[in-house]
Protein backbone atom coordinates (compact mmCIF):
# COMPACT_ATOMS: atom_id res chain seq x y z
CA MET A 1 -2.37 63.48 153.68
CA LEU A 2 -4.66 64.72 151.18
CA LEU A 3 -4.74 60.88 149.50
CA LEU A 4 -5.27 59.27 152.54
CA LEU A 5 -8.26 61.26 153.37
CA ALA A 6 -10.10 60.87 149.94
CA GLY A 7 -9.94 56.96 151.11
CA CYS A 8 -12.45 57.36 153.59
CA ASP A 9 -16.29 56.59 152.53
CA HIS A 10 -17.26 59.98 153.76
CA ALA A 11 -15.64 63.20 155.49
CA ALA A 12 -16.82 63.95 159.14
CA PRO A 13 -19.60 66.68 159.62
CA ALA A 14 -17.68 69.75 161.41
CA THR A 15 -19.62 69.43 164.44
CA THR A 16 -18.61 65.70 164.67
CA VAL A 17 -16.75 65.30 168.23
CA ALA A 18 -14.82 62.33 166.03
CA PRO A 19 -14.59 60.63 162.46
CA SER A 20 -17.90 57.92 161.84
CA CYS A 21 -14.93 55.88 159.90
CA PRO A 22 -11.65 54.45 161.53
CA PRO A 23 -8.72 56.49 160.29
CA CYS A 24 -7.86 55.09 156.96
CA GLN A 25 -4.44 53.49 156.07
CA CYS A 26 -2.28 52.76 153.82
CA HIS A 27 -1.37 49.52 151.96
CA CYS A 28 0.33 50.29 149.16
CA THR A 29 3.70 47.98 148.62
CA GLY A 30 5.20 51.43 147.21
CA GLY A 31 4.40 53.67 149.84
CA ASP A 32 8.51 53.85 150.44
CA THR A 33 9.44 54.25 147.11
CA PRO A 34 10.85 57.75 146.61
CA ALA A 35 9.57 59.76 144.01
CA ALA A 36 11.76 61.01 140.71
CA GLY A 37 14.61 62.76 141.67
CA GLY A 38 13.99 62.59 145.36
CA GLY A 39 15.93 60.75 148.10
CA SER A 40 17.66 57.23 147.78
CA ASP A 41 16.30 53.68 148.02
CA ARG A 42 16.87 51.96 151.04
CA GLY A 43 17.78 48.55 149.37
CA GLY A 44 19.90 50.13 146.65
CA ASP A 45 21.92 52.05 149.33
CA VAL A 46 22.76 48.34 151.01
CA HIS A 47 23.92 47.12 148.18
CA ALA A 48 25.74 50.17 147.03
CA ARG A 49 27.57 49.96 150.43
CA VAL A 50 27.79 45.90 150.30
CA ALA A 51 30.18 46.56 147.10
CA ALA A 52 31.90 49.74 148.68
CA LEU A 53 33.13 47.12 151.40
CA SER A 54 33.59 44.17 149.28
CA ASP A 55 36.09 46.52 147.19
CA SER A 56 37.15 48.32 150.26
CA LEU A 57 38.42 45.02 152.02
CA THR A 58 40.25 43.51 148.53
CA ARG A 59 42.07 46.44 147.83
CA LYS A 60 43.34 45.83 151.72
CA ALA A 61 44.36 42.50 151.23
CA ALA A 62 46.28 43.61 147.79
CA LYS A 63 47.62 45.89 149.94
CA ARG A 64 48.29 43.41 152.88
CA ASP A 65 46.36 45.40 155.63
CA GLY A 66 45.00 42.15 157.39
CA LYS A 67 43.69 44.54 160.18
CA GLY A 68 41.59 46.75 157.93
CA CYS A 69 40.50 43.70 155.76
CA LEU A 70 39.02 42.27 159.19
CA GLU A 71 37.42 45.42 160.51
CA ASP A 72 35.61 45.46 156.62
CA LEU A 73 34.72 42.45 156.99
CA ASP A 74 32.90 42.57 160.30
CA ALA A 75 31.10 45.55 159.00
CA LEU A 76 29.64 44.02 155.79
CA ALA A 77 28.58 41.27 158.21
CA ARG A 78 26.72 43.89 160.68
CA LEU A 79 25.40 45.09 157.01
CA ASP A 80 25.06 41.42 155.03
CA ALA A 81 25.32 38.53 156.93
CA ALA A 82 24.71 36.45 153.88
CA THR A 83 27.10 37.66 151.77
CA ALA A 84 29.86 37.76 154.72
CA LYS A 85 29.26 34.33 155.17
CA ARG A 86 29.55 33.26 151.75
CA MET A 87 33.37 35.69 151.98
CA SER A 88 34.88 32.73 154.68
CA PHE A 89 37.44 32.96 152.18
CA GLN A 90 38.82 36.15 152.21
CA ARG A 91 38.41 36.06 155.73
CA GLY A 92 40.81 33.26 156.17
CA GLN A 93 43.09 35.28 154.00
CA CYS A 94 42.62 38.34 156.17
CA LEU A 95 43.07 36.38 159.28
CA MET A 96 46.37 35.61 158.10
CA LEU A 97 47.56 38.63 156.71
CA ALA A 98 46.80 40.01 160.41
CA GLY A 99 49.05 37.40 161.89
CA ARG A 100 46.57 34.52 163.37
CA CYS A 101 47.80 31.94 160.64
CA ASP A 102 46.57 28.62 162.30
CA ASP A 103 42.79 30.66 162.27
CA GLY A 104 43.15 31.40 158.57
CA LYS A 105 44.17 28.27 157.66
CA GLN A 106 41.07 26.46 159.39
CA LEU A 107 38.73 28.84 157.77
CA VAL A 108 40.09 28.47 154.33
CA ARG A 109 40.02 24.45 154.97
CA ASP A 110 36.58 24.61 155.74
CA TRP A 111 36.09 26.33 152.54
CA PHE A 112 37.55 24.36 150.37
CA ALA A 113 35.88 21.15 152.01
CA ASP A 114 32.67 23.01 152.01
CA THR A 115 32.59 24.70 148.66
CA THR A 116 35.10 21.98 146.08
CA SER A 117 34.86 17.96 145.98
CA GLN A 118 38.89 18.16 146.39
CA LEU A 119 40.33 15.17 147.89
CA PRO A 120 41.90 16.03 151.31
CA GLU A 121 45.30 15.65 150.08
CA THR A 122 44.47 18.34 147.81
CA ILE A 123 42.99 20.61 150.16
CA ASP A 124 46.47 20.18 152.21
CA ARG A 125 48.38 21.37 149.39
CA SER A 126 45.76 24.26 148.29
CA VAL A 127 45.78 25.50 152.12
CA GLU A 128 49.43 25.54 152.50
CA ALA A 129 49.59 27.45 149.13
CA THR A 130 47.56 30.18 150.52
CA ALA A 131 49.11 30.88 153.68
CA SER A 132 52.43 30.80 151.86
CA MET A 133 51.20 33.85 150.20
CA TYR A 134 49.34 35.70 152.80
CA CYS A 135 50.39 34.33 156.31
CA GLU A 136 52.39 36.51 158.53
CA GLY A 137 53.81 36.86 162.07
CA SER A 138 53.99 33.70 164.18
CA MET A 139 53.69 30.44 162.53
CA SER A 140 54.74 26.91 162.13
CA ASP A 141 58.58 26.17 160.88
CA ARG A 142 56.73 24.44 158.10
CA ASP A 143 54.94 27.55 157.37
CA ALA A 144 57.65 29.99 157.58
CA LEU A 145 59.82 27.72 155.05
CA LEU A 146 57.05 27.43 152.74
CA LYS A 147 56.23 31.39 152.74
CA ALA A 148 59.97 32.00 152.51
CA LEU A 149 60.02 29.40 149.62
CA MET A 150 57.10 31.39 147.65
CA ASP A 151 59.02 34.86 148.81
CA LEU A 152 62.24 33.49 146.48
CA GLN A 153 59.91 32.01 143.84
CA GLN A 154 58.49 35.42 143.37
CA GLY A 155 61.60 37.07 142.91
CA ALA A 156 62.90 34.86 141.04
CA TYR A 157 60.49 34.46 138.67
CA GLN A 158 57.50 37.20 138.94
CA GLY A 159 59.00 40.32 139.63
CA ASN A 160 61.30 42.34 141.58
CA ILE A 161 61.36 41.92 145.54
CA GLY A 162 64.70 43.84 145.94
CA ILE A 163 68.04 42.77 147.23
CA ARG A 164 67.19 43.14 150.84
CA ALA A 165 63.83 41.19 150.38
CA CYS A 166 65.84 38.33 148.94
CA ASN A 167 68.27 37.94 151.34
CA ASP A 168 65.81 37.93 154.26
CA ALA A 169 64.36 34.69 152.55
CA ILE A 170 67.19 33.14 151.61
CA ALA A 171 67.86 33.22 155.46
CA ARG A 172 64.62 32.04 156.14
CA VAL A 173 64.98 29.23 154.32
CA ASP A 174 68.72 28.38 155.70
CA ARG A 175 66.89 28.24 158.88
CA PHE A 176 64.12 26.41 158.60
CA ARG A 177 65.10 23.80 156.06
CA LYS A 178 67.48 22.44 159.32
CA THR A 179 64.06 21.77 161.40
CA VAL A 180 61.02 20.80 158.66
CA ARG A 181 60.95 17.42 157.13
CA PRO A 182 59.18 16.05 154.44
CA LYS A 183 55.42 15.05 155.37
CA ASN A 184 55.18 11.92 153.35
CA ASP A 185 56.99 10.88 150.10
CA GLU A 186 54.88 13.00 147.77
CA ASP A 187 56.33 16.48 150.04
CA THR A 188 58.76 16.84 146.82
CA GLN A 189 58.70 20.61 147.78
CA VAL A 190 60.50 20.09 151.34
CA ALA A 191 62.19 16.83 149.65
CA GLN A 192 63.98 18.08 146.88
CA LEU A 193 64.80 21.55 148.40
CA ASP A 194 68.53 20.98 147.98
CA HIS A 195 67.84 20.38 144.09
CA TYR A 196 65.92 23.71 143.44
CA PHE A 197 66.97 26.37 146.23
CA TYR A 198 70.23 27.23 145.12
CA HIS A 199 69.21 28.75 141.60
CA THR A 200 65.81 29.63 143.18
CA ALA A 201 68.07 32.06 145.51
CA ALA A 202 70.33 33.10 143.16
CA SER A 203 67.66 34.29 140.36
CA CYS A 204 65.54 36.01 143.29
CA LEU A 205 69.00 37.98 143.55
CA ALA A 206 70.41 37.94 139.95
CA ARG A 207 66.39 39.98 139.25
CA ALA A 208 67.50 42.47 142.02
CA GLY A 209 70.88 43.19 140.27
CA ASP A 210 73.03 41.49 142.66
CA CYS A 211 74.70 39.35 140.21
CA ARG A 212 78.06 38.99 142.77
CA GLY A 213 75.46 38.05 145.13
CA ALA A 214 73.55 35.70 143.17
CA TRP A 215 77.02 34.15 142.51
CA GLU A 216 77.51 33.17 146.12
CA ALA A 217 74.20 31.90 147.03
CA PHE A 218 74.67 29.45 143.92
CA GLN A 219 77.76 28.07 144.47
CA VAL A 220 77.42 27.83 148.47
CA ARG A 221 73.82 26.56 148.30
CA PHE A 222 75.00 23.89 144.73
CA PRO A 223 73.69 20.43 145.79
CA ALA A 224 77.05 18.16 147.37
CA ASP A 225 75.47 15.08 145.64
CA VAL A 226 75.89 16.17 141.86
CA LEU A 227 79.64 16.67 142.84
CA LYS A 228 80.41 14.47 144.65
CA THR A 229 81.95 11.88 141.98
CA VAL A 230 84.08 14.79 140.80
CA THR A 231 87.35 14.81 142.95
CA ASP A 232 89.32 17.64 140.67
CA PRO A 233 88.96 21.17 141.89
CA ALA A 234 89.15 22.55 138.61
CA VAL A 235 86.54 20.29 137.05
CA ARG A 236 84.31 21.10 140.30
CA ALA A 237 84.50 24.40 139.91
CA ASN A 238 83.88 24.40 136.19
CA ILE A 239 81.04 22.40 136.65
CA ILE A 240 79.18 25.29 138.82
CA GLU A 241 80.53 28.31 136.95
CA THR A 242 78.80 26.52 133.97
CA SER A 243 75.70 25.67 135.57
CA PHE A 244 75.31 29.43 136.78
CA ASP A 245 75.48 30.86 133.32
CA SER A 246 72.98 28.00 131.74
CA VAL A 247 70.23 28.98 135.07
CA VAL A 248 71.26 32.62 136.09
CA GLN A 249 70.53 34.12 133.11
CA LYS A 250 70.38 37.62 133.82
CA CYS A 251 74.02 37.47 135.35
CA LYS A 252 75.64 35.12 132.99
CA GLY A 253 79.08 35.75 132.68
CA LYS A 254 78.80 38.26 135.64
CA ARG A 255 80.73 36.98 138.86
């Protein structure tokens, strides 16, 4: 206040009813900057909150908490709409985790189309790959099949997902492989399913420590066309056993 009064041309006499100059106004650009050691910069506070929300939604997505992830994104949108808009891919993932698979896929598809130079066919594959990792709840038979295959691949080649999770994924593949057909001649993941499903399923169970279950899954789903010219039962059995020991190394000799 003392600084403001000092800015007037002169002070009003004691007997004057009103000051002879208008009230002084401060036009300093740094007027909102707090003194050293006091208060917090409002812009810095916003940036800190944006960073905290970004970190929070990333952690929630990693824990597959779709609802919490969306809540953080909504809070971020209210705080910084531009940053939230740039995170449309993350919102798509959170929608998938929250059980809104189709909505999430559309948002992810739009993100790829807007931010990359991928061809439409490549975008389709990228969207399906994202959905296979994040979709939960209700989804199409194809999405359910691809998700089950992704779960098996993770359990077989990345880490132990547990016997129950392996068996659940195997059951889902068995169910949806009967209804899902390849989209075209390049849809090898579905078209060639019989030629890799049996050893992926067995490898998932093997990593989880169930060699007996791995052997059963392997021999039951072994491709029939590989054995179609072999008529001797003993030779057929030897082919399957040798293949199992070769492919499912963790259970070699354990049946």
